[in-house]
C-alpha atoms as a PDB file:
ATOM      1  CA  MET A   1      10.551   3.205  43.500  1.00  0.00           C
ATOM      2  CA  THR A   2       8.154   1.618  41.090  1.00  0.00           C
ATOM      3  CA  LYS A   3       6.693   3.275  38.047  1.00  0.00           C
ATOM      4  CA  ILE A   4       3.381   2.022  36.742  1.00  0.00           C
ATOM      5  CA  GLN A   5       1.738   3.050  33.519  1.00  0.00           C
ATOM      6  CA  ILE A   6      -2.038   2.653  33.499  1.00  0.00           C
ATOM      7  CA  ASP A   7      -4.730   3.371  30.970  1.00  0.00           C
ATOM      8  CA  LEU A   8      -7.693   5.021  32.645  1.00  0.00           C
ATOM      9  CA  SER A   9     -11.151   4.955  31.168  1.00  0.00           C
ATOM     10  CA  GLU A  10     -12.837   8.298  30.664  1.00  0.00           C
ATOM     11  CA  GLU A  11     -14.840   7.829  33.873  1.00  0.00           C
ATOM     12  CA  GLU A  12     -11.752   6.822  35.895  1.00  0.00           C
ATOM     13  CA  ASP A  13      -9.869   9.804  34.528  1.00  0.00           C
ATOM     14  CA  LYS A  14     -12.663  12.122  35.673  1.00  0.00           C
ATOM     15  CA  ILE A  15     -12.588  10.599  39.169  1.00  0.00           C
ATOM     16  CA  VAL A  16      -8.831  11.153  39.447  1.00  0.00           C
ATOM     17  CA  GLU A  17      -9.163  14.694  38.105  1.00  0.00           C
ATOM     18  CA  ILE A  18     -11.870  15.553  40.645  1.00  0.00           C
ATOM     19  CA  TYR A  19      -9.844  14.019  43.484  1.00  0.00           C
ATOM     20  CA  LYS A  20      -6.831  16.045  42.338  1.00  0.00           C
ATOM     21  CA  LEU A  21      -8.771  19.310  42.314  1.00  0.00           C
ATOM     22  CA  VAL A  22     -10.591  18.725  45.622  1.00  0.00           C
ATOM     23  CA  ASN A  23      -7.390  17.849  47.453  1.00  0.00           C
ATOM     24  CA  SER A  24      -5.201  20.520  45.804  1.00  0.00           C
ATOM     25  CA  HIS A  25      -2.730  18.134  44.204  1.00  0.00           C
ATOM     26  CA  LYS A  26      -0.571  19.437  41.382  1.00  0.00           C
ATOM     27  CA  THR A  27      -0.611  16.339  39.160  1.00  0.00           C
ATOM     28  CA  LYS A  28      -2.766  13.283  38.554  1.00  0.00           C
ATOM     29  CA  GLN A  29       0.228  11.159  39.496  1.00  0.00           C
ATOM     30  CA  GLU A  30       0.323  12.768  42.931  1.00  0.00           C
ATOM     31  CA  ALA A  31      -3.439  12.267  43.306  1.00  0.00           C
ATOM     32  CA  ILE A  32      -3.207   8.580  42.411  1.00  0.00           C
ATOM     33  CA  LYS A  33      -0.378   8.099  44.928  1.00  0.00           C
ATOM     34  CA  LYS A  34      -2.613   9.497  47.660  1.00  0.00           C
ATOM     35  CA  MET A  35      -5.636   7.478  46.494  1.00  0.00           C
ATOM     36  CA  VAL A  36      -3.701   4.209  46.705  1.00  0.00           C
ATOM     37  CA  LYS A  37      -3.165   4.722  50.437  1.00  0.00           C
ATOM     38  CA  TYR A  38      -6.900   4.148  51.016  1.00  0.00           C
ATOM     39  CA  PHE A  39      -6.586   0.476  50.050  1.00  0.00           C
ATOM     40  CA  LYS A  40      -5.400  -2.448  52.124  1.00  0.00           C
ATOM     41  CA  ALA A  41      -3.508  -5.263  50.456  1.00  0.00           C
ATOM     42  CA  GLU A  42      -2.976  -8.790  51.716  1.00  0.00           C
ATOM     43  CA  ILE A  43      -0.386 -11.124  50.311  1.00  0.00           C
ATOM     44  CA  LYS A  44      -1.117 -14.809  50.740  1.00  0.00           C
ATOM     45  CA  PRO A  45       0.964 -17.560  49.214  1.00  0.00           C
ATOM     46  CA  THR A  46      -0.784 -20.095  47.011  1.00  0.00           C
ATOM     47  CA  ASN A  47       0.023 -23.634  45.937  1.00  0.00           C
ATOM     48  CA  LEU A  48       1.736 -24.556  49.201  1.00  0.00           C
ATOM     49  CA  LYS A  49       1.148 -28.222  49.964  1.00  0.00           C
ATOM     50  CA  ASP A  50       1.230 -29.190  53.633  1.00  0.00           C
ATOM     51  CA  LYS A  51       3.491 -26.288  54.566  1.00  0.00           C
ATOM     52  CA  GLU A  52       2.903 -23.363  56.842  1.00  0.00           C
ATOM     53  CA  TYR A  53       4.438 -20.326  55.201  1.00  0.00           C
ATOM     54  CA  PHE A  54       4.130 -17.888  58.096  1.00  0.00           C
ATOM     55  CA  LYS A  55       5.661 -19.536  61.186  1.00  0.00           C
END
């Protein structure tokens, strides 16, 4: 489990609040957890010289 503390701007806070209300979440934390699932992350190594990392 990872805990992250973030400072949301007023506009970002409103977006999270609306998402929370529309989707019937109890807390903003729960809403943010669900929102994160909409993103795709890629991890690519950098600074590898003449090596193939994924073989």
